[in-house]
Amino acid sequence: MQQYGASEVERLLQLPRSTIRALIKAGLVTPARGPRRVWLFSFKDLLVLRQARRLVAARVPPWRVARVMKAQRRQAESGQYALAFESAPAGARAMGKRAAPPQEGAQESEIRARRDDPVQLYNRGVRLEDLGRKKDALAAYQAALRADPSLADCHYNLGLLYESLGRKRDAIRHLAQYRRLTRRPK
């Protein structure tokens, strides 16, 4: 199993070391210690850090990145949605690895069979976004929200996607809905 050093992670993902430290402190990534006690990150850690990079790129303050990631992890563990880590070829390419081509045909037929399932539609949006197919991802996220408007992470991803497309008003609307849905009751 290949491991990546902290300097390599910083360079590849363009993440500040302070964000990496915050995610380690929050327990979201658990690097091993190598010679001279350097951090060694697994590929699974890189997937989490890649998501953190998206937050940093969206100008989420570094101190909030760990909080947002923890909330997403709680939702994943509660079964609200499932991340398709195994179909993240963009992440593999970012690490300089050759990724196997995604099984789009099989995924498409599964999605057609369950096209009204909001979680499947959300996961499809994630896969399409990872493949760089932003407009298709946009349509999948919108379909997921039509089926279930309470999918907080779908609002979040849609907000970031709208921001990357220059649609600030739509981005703000979906990020605000994400905050409303994830706000803890007092």
N, C-alpha and C. Protein backbone atom coordinates (compact mmCIF):
# COMPACT_ATOMS: atom_id res chain seq x y z
N MET A 1 0.85 -1.18 0.00
CA MET A 1 0.00 0.00 0.00
C MET A 1 0.89 1.24 0.00
N GLN A 2 0.67 2.11 -0.97
CA GLN A 2 1.49 3.31 -1.09
C GLN A 2 1.04 4.35 -0.07
N GLN A 3 2.00 5.04 0.49
CA GLN A 3 1.70 6.12 1.43
C GLN A 3 2.36 7.40 0.92
N TYR A 4 1.79 8.52 1.31
CA TYR A 4 2.23 9.82 0.83
C TYR A 4 2.65 10.68 2.01
N GLY A 5 3.79 11.35 1.89
CA GLY A 5 4.27 12.24 2.94
C GLY A 5 3.51 13.55 2.96
N ALA A 6 3.61 14.28 4.06
CA ALA A 6 2.88 15.54 4.22
C ALA A 6 3.27 16.56 3.15
N SER A 7 4.56 16.66 2.83
CA SER A 7 5.00 17.61 1.80
C SER A 7 4.41 17.26 0.45
N GLU A 8 4.36 15.96 0.15
CA GLU A 8 3.79 15.51 -1.11
C GLU A 8 2.29 15.81 -1.18
N VAL A 9 1.59 15.61 -0.06
CA VAL A 9 0.15 15.90 0.00
C VAL A 9 -0.08 17.40 -0.18
N GLU A 10 0.72 18.21 0.50
CA GLU A 10 0.60 19.67 0.35
C GLU A 10 0.77 20.09 -1.11
N ARG A 11 1.78 19.52 -1.75
CA ARG A 11 2.08 19.88 -3.13
C ARG A 11 1.00 19.38 -4.09
N LEU A 12 0.59 18.12 -3.95
CA LEU A 12 -0.39 17.54 -4.87
C LEU A 12 -1.78 18.16 -4.72
N LEU A 13 -2.21 18.35 -3.49
CA LEU A 13 -3.57 18.83 -3.24
C LEU A 13 -3.63 20.34 -3.02
N GLN A 14 -2.47 20.97 -2.90
CA GLN A 14 -2.41 22.41 -2.66
C GLN A 14 -3.23 22.79 -1.42
N LEU A 15 -2.99 22.04 -0.36
CA LEU A 15 -3.66 22.28 0.91
C LEU A 15 -2.64 22.85 1.90
N PRO A 16 -3.03 23.86 2.66
CA PRO A 16 -2.10 24.36 3.67
C PRO A 16 -1.93 23.33 4.80
N ARG A 17 -0.74 23.30 5.36
CA ARG A 17 -0.45 22.34 6.42
C ARG A 17 -1.37 22.55 7.63
N SER A 18 -1.82 23.81 7.85
CA SER A 18 -2.72 24.07 8.98
C SER A 18 -4.05 23.33 8.81
N THR A 19 -4.54 23.25 7.59
CA THR A 19 -5.78 22.51 7.34
C THR A 19 -5.55 21.02 7.55
N ILE A 20 -4.41 20.52 7.09
CA ILE A 20 -4.09 19.10 7.28
C ILE A 20 -4.01 18.79 8.77
N ARG A 21 -3.34 19.65 9.53
CA ARG A 21 -3.25 19.45 10.99
C ARG A 21 -4.63 19.45 11.64
N ALA A 22 -5.49 20.37 11.23
CA ALA A 22 -6.84 20.46 11.81
C ALA A 22 -7.63 19.18 11.55
N LEU A 23 -7.48 18.61 10.36
CA LEU A 23 -8.20 17.38 10.03
C LEU A 23 -7.64 16.18 10.81
N ILE A 24 -6.34 16.19 11.05
CA ILE A 24 -5.75 15.13 11.87
C ILE A 24 -6.25 15.26 13.30
N LYS A 25 -6.23 16.49 13.83
CA LYS A 25 -6.68 16.73 15.20
C LYS A 25 -8.15 16.34 15.38
N ALA A 26 -8.96 16.57 14.34
CA ALA A 26 -10.38 16.23 14.40
C ALA A 26 -10.60 14.73 14.21
N GLY A 27 -9.55 13.99 13.87
CA GLY A 27 -9.68 12.55 13.70
C GLY A 27 -10.25 12.14 12.35
N LEU A 28 -10.30 13.06 11.39
CA LEU A 28 -10.85 12.76 10.08
C LEU A 28 -9.85 12.06 9.17
N VAL A 29 -8.58 12.32 9.39
CA VAL A 29 -7.52 11.57 8.71
C VAL A 29 -6.59 11.05 9.80
N THR A 30 -6.09 9.84 9.58
CA THR A 30 -5.24 9.21 10.59
C THR A 30 -3.96 8.70 9.94
N PRO A 31 -3.04 9.62 9.67
CA PRO A 31 -1.79 9.19 9.04
C PRO A 31 -0.95 8.35 9.98
N ALA A 32 -0.19 7.45 9.38
CA ALA A 32 0.78 6.66 10.16
C ALA A 32 2.01 7.54 10.38
N ARG A 33 2.85 7.10 11.28
CA ARG A 33 4.12 7.80 11.51
C ARG A 33 5.23 6.99 10.87
N GLY A 34 6.05 7.67 10.08
CA GLY A 34 7.16 7.02 9.41
C GLY A 34 8.46 7.32 10.11
N PRO A 35 9.57 7.11 9.40
CA PRO A 35 10.87 7.44 9.97
C PRO A 35 10.93 8.92 10.36
N ARG A 36 11.56 9.18 11.45
CA ARG A 36 11.67 10.55 11.99
C ARG A 36 10.29 11.16 12.27
N ARG A 37 9.32 10.29 12.53
CA ARG A 37 7.96 10.68 12.94
C ARG A 37 7.23 11.55 11.91
N VAL A 38 7.56 11.40 10.63
CA VAL A 38 6.84 12.14 9.59
C VAL A 38 5.49 11.47 9.36
N TRP A 39 4.52 12.27 8.96
CA TRP A 39 3.19 11.73 8.66
C TRP A 39 3.23 11.00 7.33
N LEU A 40 2.54 9.86 7.28
CA LEU A 40 2.39 9.10 6.05
C LEU A 40 0.90 8.85 5.84
N PHE A 41 0.35 9.39 4.74
CA PHE A 41 -1.08 9.35 4.48
C PHE A 41 -1.42 8.22 3.52
N SER A 42 -2.53 7.54 3.79
CA SER A 42 -3.02 6.49 2.90
C SER A 42 -3.85 7.12 1.79
N PHE A 43 -4.23 6.30 0.81
CA PHE A 43 -5.08 6.81 -0.26
C PHE A 43 -6.44 7.25 0.29
N LYS A 44 -6.95 6.52 1.26
CA LYS A 44 -8.22 6.90 1.89
C LYS A 44 -8.10 8.29 2.53
N ASP A 45 -6.98 8.55 3.19
CA ASP A 45 -6.75 9.89 3.75
C ASP A 45 -6.74 10.95 2.64
N LEU A 46 -6.14 10.60 1.50
CA LEU A 46 -6.08 11.56 0.39
C LEU A 46 -7.47 11.90 -0.13
N LEU A 47 -8.37 10.93 -0.12
CA LEU A 47 -9.75 11.22 -0.56
C LEU A 47 -10.42 12.22 0.37
N VAL A 48 -10.20 12.06 1.67
CA VAL A 48 -10.76 13.01 2.63
C VAL A 48 -10.12 14.38 2.44
N LEU A 49 -8.82 14.41 2.26
CA LEU A 49 -8.11 15.67 2.07
C LEU A 49 -8.51 16.34 0.76
N ARG A 50 -8.83 15.55 -0.23
CA ARG A 50 -9.29 16.11 -1.50
C ARG A 50 -10.61 16.85 -1.31
N GLN A 51 -11.50 16.27 -0.52
CA GLN A 51 -12.76 16.96 -0.21
C GLN A 51 -12.47 18.25 0.56
N ALA A 52 -11.52 18.20 1.46
CA ALA A 52 -11.14 19.41 2.21
C ALA A 52 -10.61 20.48 1.25
N ARG A 53 -9.87 20.06 0.24
CA ARG A 53 -9.35 21.02 -0.74
C ARG A 53 -10.49 21.74 -1.46
N ARG A 54 -11.56 21.02 -1.74
CA ARG A 54 -12.72 21.65 -2.39
C ARG A 54 -13.31 22.72 -1.47
N LEU A 55 -13.32 22.46 -0.18
CA LEU A 55 -13.84 23.45 0.77
C LEU A 55 -12.94 24.68 0.81
N VAL A 56 -11.62 24.44 0.86
CA VAL A 56 -10.67 25.54 0.89
C VAL A 56 -10.79 26.37 -0.39
N ALA A 57 -10.94 25.68 -1.54
CA ALA A 57 -11.09 26.39 -2.82
C ALA A 57 -12.37 27.21 -2.85
N ALA A 58 -13.38 26.78 -2.09
CA ALA A 58 -14.64 27.53 -2.02
C ALA A 58 -14.58 28.63 -0.97
N ARG A 59 -13.38 28.88 -0.47
CA ARG A 59 -13.11 29.94 0.51
C ARG A 59 -13.81 29.71 1.85
N VAL A 60 -13.99 28.44 2.21
CA VAL A 60 -14.47 28.12 3.55
C VAL A 60 -13.29 28.36 4.48
N PRO A 61 -13.47 29.13 5.56
CA PRO A 61 -12.34 29.39 6.46
C PRO A 61 -11.74 28.09 6.99
N PRO A 62 -10.40 28.03 7.09
CA PRO A 62 -9.74 26.78 7.51
C PRO A 62 -10.29 26.21 8.82
N TRP A 63 -10.67 27.07 9.76
CA TRP A 63 -11.17 26.56 11.04
C TRP A 63 -12.53 25.88 10.89
N ARG A 64 -13.28 26.18 9.80
CA ARG A 64 -14.58 25.56 9.59
C ARG A 64 -14.49 24.29 8.76
N VAL A 65 -13.40 24.10 8.05
CA VAL A 65 -13.27 22.93 7.17
C VAL A 65 -13.46 21.65 7.98
N ALA A 66 -12.78 21.53 9.11
CA ALA A 66 -12.89 20.31 9.92
C ALA A 66 -14.31 20.12 10.43
N ARG A 67 -14.99 21.21 10.82
CA ARG A 67 -16.37 21.09 11.30
C ARG A 67 -17.31 20.61 10.21
N VAL A 68 -17.15 21.14 9.01
CA VAL A 68 -18.00 20.72 7.89
C VAL A 68 -17.73 19.26 7.56
N MET A 69 -16.47 18.88 7.54
CA MET A 69 -16.11 17.50 7.22
C MET A 69 -16.65 16.53 8.27
N LYS A 70 -16.61 16.93 9.54
CA LYS A 70 -17.17 16.08 10.61
C LYS A 70 -18.67 15.90 10.41
N ALA A 71 -19.36 16.98 10.07
CA ALA A 71 -20.81 16.89 9.85
C ALA A 71 -21.11 15.95 8.68
N GLN A 72 -20.33 16.04 7.61
CA GLN A 72 -20.53 15.15 6.48
C GLN A 72 -20.26 13.70 6.87
N ARG A 73 -19.25 13.49 7.69
CA ARG A 73 -18.93 12.12 8.12
C ARG A 73 -20.05 11.55 8.97
N ARG A 74 -20.61 12.37 9.87
CA ARG A 74 -21.75 11.91 10.69
C ARG A 74 -22.92 11.51 9.81
N GLN A 75 -23.19 12.31 8.78
CA GLN A 75 -24.30 11.99 7.89
C GLN A 75 -24.02 10.70 7.12
N ALA A 76 -22.78 10.52 6.71
CA ALA A 76 -22.42 9.29 5.98
C ALA A 76 -22.58 8.08 6.89
N GLU A 77 -22.13 8.21 8.14
CA GLU A 77 -22.22 7.09 9.07
C GLU A 77 -23.66 6.80 9.46
N SER A 78 -24.52 7.82 9.42
CA SER A 78 -25.92 7.60 9.77
C SER A 78 -26.69 6.99 8.60
N GLY A 79 -26.05 6.89 7.43
CA GLY A 79 -26.69 6.28 6.28
C GLY A 79 -27.47 7.23 5.42
N GLN A 80 -27.35 8.56 5.66
CA GLN A 80 -28.10 9.50 4.84
C GLN A 80 -27.66 9.42 3.38
N TYR A 81 -26.40 9.20 3.16
CA TYR A 81 -25.92 9.05 1.79
C TYR A 81 -24.66 8.21 1.83
N ALA A 82 -24.26 7.74 0.68
CA ALA A 82 -23.05 6.94 0.58
C ALA A 82 -22.14 7.58 -0.45
N LEU A 83 -20.91 7.84 -0.08
CA LEU A 83 -19.95 8.40 -1.03
C LEU A 83 -19.40 7.29 -1.90
N ALA A 84 -19.22 7.58 -3.14
CA ALA A 84 -18.71 6.59 -4.08
C ALA A 84 -17.20 6.76 -4.20
N PHE A 85 -16.47 6.46 -3.12
CA PHE A 85 -15.02 6.63 -3.14
C PHE A 85 -14.37 5.76 -4.20
N GLU A 86 -14.96 4.57 -4.43
CA GLU A 86 -14.32 3.67 -5.38
C GLU A 86 -14.38 4.19 -6.80
N SER A 87 -15.23 5.16 -7.08
CA SER A 87 -15.30 5.68 -8.45
C SER A 87 -14.82 7.13 -8.48
N ALA A 88 -13.62 7.35 -7.98
CA ALA A 88 -13.07 8.70 -7.97
C ALA A 88 -11.80 8.76 -8.81
N PRO A 89 -11.92 8.56 -10.12
CA PRO A 89 -10.72 8.54 -10.95
C PRO A 89 -9.98 9.86 -10.95
N ALA A 90 -10.68 10.99 -10.76
CA ALA A 90 -9.99 12.28 -10.76
C ALA A 90 -9.00 12.33 -9.61
N GLY A 91 -9.36 11.78 -8.46
CA GLY A 91 -8.46 11.74 -7.31
C GLY A 91 -7.25 10.88 -7.59
N ALA A 92 -7.48 9.76 -8.25
CA ALA A 92 -6.36 8.88 -8.57
C ALA A 92 -5.42 9.56 -9.56
N ARG A 93 -6.00 10.26 -10.55
CA ARG A 93 -5.15 10.96 -11.51
C ARG A 93 -4.34 12.05 -10.82
N ALA A 94 -4.95 12.74 -9.83
CA ALA A 94 -4.25 13.81 -9.13
C ALA A 94 -3.03 13.25 -8.40
N MET A 95 -3.08 12.00 -8.03
CA MET A 95 -1.97 11.39 -7.31
C MET A 95 -0.95 10.77 -8.28
N GLY A 96 -1.16 10.96 -9.60
CA GLY A 96 -0.22 10.44 -10.57
C GLY A 96 -0.42 8.96 -10.84
N LYS A 97 -1.52 8.39 -10.43
CA LYS A 97 -1.79 6.97 -10.64
C LYS A 97 -2.69 6.83 -11.86
N ARG A 98 -2.56 5.71 -12.51
CA ARG A 98 -3.45 5.41 -13.63
C ARG A 98 -4.69 4.76 -13.05
N ALA A 99 -5.84 5.37 -13.29
CA ALA A 99 -7.10 4.85 -12.75
C ALA A 99 -7.78 3.98 -13.81
N ALA A 100 -8.44 2.96 -13.33
CA ALA A 100 -9.23 2.13 -14.23
C ALA A 100 -10.42 2.96 -14.71
N PRO A 101 -10.85 2.78 -15.95
CA PRO A 101 -11.98 3.56 -16.43
C PRO A 101 -13.22 3.23 -15.61
N PRO A 102 -14.04 4.23 -15.30
CA PRO A 102 -15.23 3.97 -14.51
C PRO A 102 -16.20 3.08 -15.27
N GLN A 103 -16.97 2.34 -14.54
CA GLN A 103 -17.96 1.44 -15.10
C GLN A 103 -19.25 2.20 -15.35
N GLU A 104 -19.20 3.20 -16.23
CA GLU A 104 -20.36 4.07 -16.44
C GLU A 104 -21.57 3.31 -16.95
N GLY A 105 -21.35 2.36 -17.86
CA GLY A 105 -22.48 1.62 -18.41
C GLY A 105 -23.27 0.90 -17.33
N ALA A 106 -22.56 0.22 -16.44
CA ALA A 106 -23.22 -0.50 -15.34
C ALA A 106 -23.90 0.48 -14.39
N GLN A 107 -23.22 1.59 -14.10
CA GLN A 107 -23.80 2.58 -13.20
C GLN A 107 -25.03 3.20 -13.83
N GLU A 108 -24.98 3.49 -15.12
CA GLU A 108 -26.12 4.11 -15.80
C GLU A 108 -27.33 3.20 -15.76
N SER A 109 -27.15 1.89 -16.00
CA SER A 109 -28.31 1.00 -15.99
C SER A 109 -28.88 0.88 -14.59
N GLU A 110 -28.01 0.87 -13.58
CA GLU A 110 -28.49 0.83 -12.19
C GLU A 110 -29.28 2.10 -11.87
N ILE A 111 -28.78 3.23 -12.33
CA ILE A 111 -29.45 4.49 -12.05
C ILE A 111 -30.79 4.55 -12.77
N ARG A 112 -30.84 4.05 -14.02
CA ARG A 112 -32.12 4.05 -14.73
C ARG A 112 -33.14 3.21 -13.98
N ALA A 113 -32.69 2.10 -13.39
CA ALA A 113 -33.61 1.23 -12.66
C ALA A 113 -34.10 1.90 -11.38
N ARG A 114 -33.31 2.82 -10.82
CA ARG A 114 -33.67 3.48 -9.56
C ARG A 114 -33.61 4.99 -9.73
N ARG A 115 -34.15 5.50 -10.81
CA ARG A 115 -33.99 6.92 -11.13
C ARG A 115 -34.72 7.85 -10.17
N ASP A 116 -35.64 7.33 -9.38
CA ASP A 116 -36.33 8.20 -8.43
C ASP A 116 -35.68 8.16 -7.05
N ASP A 117 -34.59 7.41 -6.90
CA ASP A 117 -33.89 7.31 -5.62
C ASP A 117 -32.96 8.52 -5.48
N PRO A 118 -33.26 9.44 -4.54
CA PRO A 118 -32.46 10.65 -4.43
C PRO A 118 -30.99 10.39 -4.08
N VAL A 119 -30.72 9.36 -3.29
CA VAL A 119 -29.33 9.06 -2.93
C VAL A 119 -28.56 8.60 -4.16
N GLN A 120 -29.18 7.77 -5.00
CA GLN A 120 -28.52 7.34 -6.22
C GLN A 120 -28.26 8.52 -7.15
N LEU A 121 -29.23 9.41 -7.23
CA LEU A 121 -29.06 10.60 -8.07
C LEU A 121 -27.93 11.48 -7.54
N TYR A 122 -27.87 11.63 -6.22
CA TYR A 122 -26.80 12.41 -5.59
C TYR A 122 -25.44 11.77 -5.91
N ASN A 123 -25.34 10.45 -5.70
CA ASN A 123 -24.08 9.74 -5.97
C ASN A 123 -23.69 9.87 -7.44
N ARG A 124 -24.67 9.84 -8.32
CA ARG A 124 -24.39 10.01 -9.74
C ARG A 124 -23.80 11.41 -9.97
N GLY A 125 -24.36 12.42 -9.31
CA GLY A 125 -23.83 13.77 -9.43
C GLY A 125 -22.38 13.85 -8.98
N VAL A 126 -22.07 13.17 -7.88
CA VAL A 126 -20.69 13.16 -7.38
C VAL A 126 -19.77 12.53 -8.42
N ARG A 127 -20.19 11.38 -8.97
CA ARG A 127 -19.35 10.70 -9.98
C ARG A 127 -19.15 11.57 -11.21
N LEU A 128 -20.24 12.19 -11.68
CA LEU A 128 -20.13 13.02 -12.88
C LEU A 128 -19.23 14.23 -12.63
N GLU A 129 -19.35 14.81 -11.44
CA GLU A 129 -18.49 15.95 -11.12
C GLU A 129 -17.03 15.53 -11.07
N ASP A 130 -16.76 14.36 -10.50
CA ASP A 130 -15.39 13.85 -10.47
C ASP A 130 -14.84 13.60 -11.87
N LEU A 131 -15.73 13.28 -12.81
CA LEU A 131 -15.32 13.05 -14.19
C LEU A 131 -15.20 14.35 -14.98
N GLY A 132 -15.52 15.49 -14.33
CA GLY A 132 -15.42 16.78 -14.99
C GLY A 132 -16.65 17.13 -15.81
N ARG A 133 -17.72 16.37 -15.68
CA ARG A 133 -18.95 16.61 -16.43
C ARG A 133 -19.89 17.47 -15.58
N LYS A 134 -19.55 18.75 -15.47
CA LYS A 134 -20.24 19.65 -14.55
C LYS A 134 -21.72 19.83 -14.87
N LYS A 135 -22.05 19.99 -16.14
CA LYS A 135 -23.47 20.21 -16.49
C LYS A 135 -24.31 18.97 -16.20
N ASP A 136 -23.76 17.78 -16.45
CA ASP A 136 -24.47 16.55 -16.14
C ASP A 136 -24.60 16.39 -14.63
N ALA A 137 -23.54 16.75 -13.89
CA ALA A 137 -23.59 16.67 -12.43
C ALA A 137 -24.65 17.62 -11.90
N LEU A 138 -24.73 18.81 -12.47
CA LEU A 138 -25.73 19.80 -12.08
C LEU A 138 -27.13 19.21 -12.23
N ALA A 139 -27.40 18.57 -13.35
CA ALA A 139 -28.71 17.97 -13.59
C ALA A 139 -29.00 16.85 -12.59
N ALA A 140 -27.99 16.03 -12.28
CA ALA A 140 -28.19 14.93 -11.33
C ALA A 140 -28.48 15.48 -9.93
N TYR A 141 -27.73 16.49 -9.49
CA TYR A 141 -27.98 17.09 -8.17
C TYR A 141 -29.38 17.71 -8.11
N GLN A 142 -29.77 18.39 -9.19
CA GLN A 142 -31.10 19.01 -9.21
C GLN A 142 -32.19 17.94 -9.14
N ALA A 143 -32.02 16.83 -9.84
CA ALA A 143 -32.99 15.74 -9.80
C ALA A 143 -33.06 15.14 -8.39
N ALA A 144 -31.90 14.99 -7.75
CA ALA A 144 -31.88 14.45 -6.38
C ALA A 144 -32.65 15.36 -5.43
N LEU A 145 -32.49 16.66 -5.59
CA LEU A 145 -33.19 17.61 -4.70
C LEU A 145 -34.68 17.68 -5.01
N ARG A 146 -35.06 17.44 -6.25
CA ARG A 146 -36.50 17.37 -6.55
C ARG A 146 -37.11 16.18 -5.84
N ALA A 147 -36.37 15.07 -5.78
CA ALA A 147 -36.86 13.86 -5.13
C ALA A 147 -36.82 13.97 -3.61
N ASP A 148 -35.80 14.67 -3.08
CA ASP A 148 -35.67 14.83 -1.62
C ASP A 148 -34.95 16.14 -1.32
N PRO A 149 -35.72 17.23 -1.09
CA PRO A 149 -35.11 18.54 -0.83
C PRO A 149 -34.34 18.62 0.48
N SER A 150 -34.39 17.58 1.30
CA SER A 150 -33.68 17.64 2.59
C SER A 150 -32.27 17.05 2.53
N LEU A 151 -31.76 16.71 1.36
CA LEU A 151 -30.39 16.19 1.24
C LEU A 151 -29.39 17.34 1.40
N ALA A 152 -28.92 17.52 2.60
CA ALA A 152 -28.05 18.66 2.91
C ALA A 152 -26.78 18.65 2.06
N ASP A 153 -26.15 17.50 1.94
CA ASP A 153 -24.89 17.44 1.19
C ASP A 153 -25.09 17.70 -0.29
N CYS A 154 -26.25 17.38 -0.79
CA CYS A 154 -26.55 17.68 -2.18
C CYS A 154 -26.63 19.20 -2.38
N HIS A 155 -27.27 19.89 -1.42
CA HIS A 155 -27.31 21.36 -1.49
C HIS A 155 -25.89 21.92 -1.44
N TYR A 156 -25.05 21.33 -0.58
CA TYR A 156 -23.68 21.81 -0.43
C TYR A 156 -22.90 21.64 -1.74
N ASN A 157 -22.94 20.42 -2.30
CA ASN A 157 -22.20 20.18 -3.55
C ASN A 157 -22.74 21.03 -4.68
N LEU A 158 -24.06 21.19 -4.73
CA LEU A 158 -24.66 22.01 -5.77
C LEU A 158 -24.23 23.47 -5.62
N GLY A 159 -24.15 23.94 -4.37
CA GLY A 159 -23.68 25.30 -4.12
C GLY A 159 -22.26 25.51 -4.63
N LEU A 160 -21.37 24.55 -4.33
CA LEU A 160 -19.99 24.66 -4.79
C LEU A 160 -19.90 24.57 -6.32
N LEU A 161 -20.74 23.72 -6.90
CA LEU A 161 -20.74 23.58 -8.35
C LEU A 161 -21.23 24.86 -9.02
N TYR A 162 -22.31 25.44 -8.48
CA TYR A 162 -22.79 26.71 -9.02
C TYR A 162 -21.72 27.79 -8.91
N GLU A 163 -21.01 27.81 -7.79
CA GLU A 163 -19.95 28.80 -7.61
C GLU A 163 -18.87 28.62 -8.67
N SER A 164 -18.49 27.38 -8.94
CA SER A 164 -17.46 27.13 -9.94
C SER A 164 -17.93 27.51 -11.35
N LEU A 165 -19.24 27.53 -11.56
CA LEU A 165 -19.81 27.92 -12.85
C LEU A 165 -20.10 29.42 -12.93
N GLY A 166 -19.77 30.15 -11.85
CA GLY A 166 -19.98 31.60 -11.83
C GLY A 166 -21.40 32.02 -11.51
N ARG A 167 -22.21 31.12 -11.02
CA ARG A 167 -23.60 31.43 -10.69
C ARG A 167 -23.71 31.67 -9.18
N LYS A 168 -23.22 32.83 -8.74
CA LYS A 168 -23.08 33.16 -7.32
C LYS A 168 -24.42 33.13 -6.58
N ARG A 169 -25.47 33.69 -7.16
CA ARG A 169 -26.76 33.76 -6.48
C ARG A 169 -27.30 32.35 -6.18
N ASP A 170 -27.20 31.44 -7.17
CA ASP A 170 -27.63 30.06 -6.96
C ASP A 170 -26.75 29.38 -5.91
N ALA A 171 -25.46 29.68 -5.96
CA ALA A 171 -24.53 29.09 -4.99
C ALA A 171 -24.90 29.51 -3.57
N ILE A 172 -25.15 30.78 -3.37
CA ILE A 172 -25.50 31.28 -2.04
C ILE A 172 -26.79 30.64 -1.55
N ARG A 173 -27.76 30.52 -2.45
CA ARG A 173 -29.06 29.93 -2.06
C ARG A 173 -28.88 28.50 -1.56
N HIS A 174 -28.11 27.69 -2.26
CA HIS A 174 -27.94 26.29 -1.87
C HIS A 174 -27.03 26.14 -0.64
N LEU A 175 -26.01 26.98 -0.53
CA LEU A 175 -25.16 26.91 0.67
C LEU A 175 -25.93 27.35 1.91
N ALA A 176 -26.82 28.33 1.75
CA ALA A 176 -27.66 28.75 2.88
C ALA A 176 -28.62 27.63 3.27
N GLN A 177 -29.16 26.92 2.29
CA GLN A 177 -30.06 25.79 2.60
C GLN A 177 -29.28 24.68 3.30
N TYR A 178 -28.04 24.45 2.88
CA TYR A 178 -27.19 23.47 3.57
C TYR A 178 -27.02 23.84 5.04
N ARG A 179 -26.74 25.13 5.29
CA ARG A 179 -26.56 25.58 6.68
C ARG A 179 -27.85 25.38 7.48
N ARG A 180 -28.99 25.70 6.89
CA ARG A 180 -30.27 25.51 7.60
C ARG A 180 -30.50 24.04 7.94
N LEU A 181 -30.18 23.17 7.02
CA LEU A 181 -30.43 21.74 7.23
C LEU A 181 -29.46 21.11 8.22
N THR A 182 -28.26 21.67 8.33
CA THR A 182 -27.26 21.07 9.23
C THR A 182 -27.15 21.79 10.57
N ARG A 183 -27.89 22.86 10.73
CA ARG A 183 -27.85 23.60 12.00
C ARG A 183 -28.43 22.73 13.09
N ARG A 184 -27.73 22.65 14.19
CA ARG A 184 -28.22 21.86 15.33
C ARG A 184 -29.28 22.64 16.08
N PRO A 185 -30.37 21.95 16.46
CA PRO A 185 -31.40 22.64 17.25
C PRO A 185 -30.86 22.94 18.64
N LYS A 186 -31.29 24.08 19.18
CA LYS A 186 -30.80 24.48 20.52
C LYS A 186 -31.69 23.99 21.60
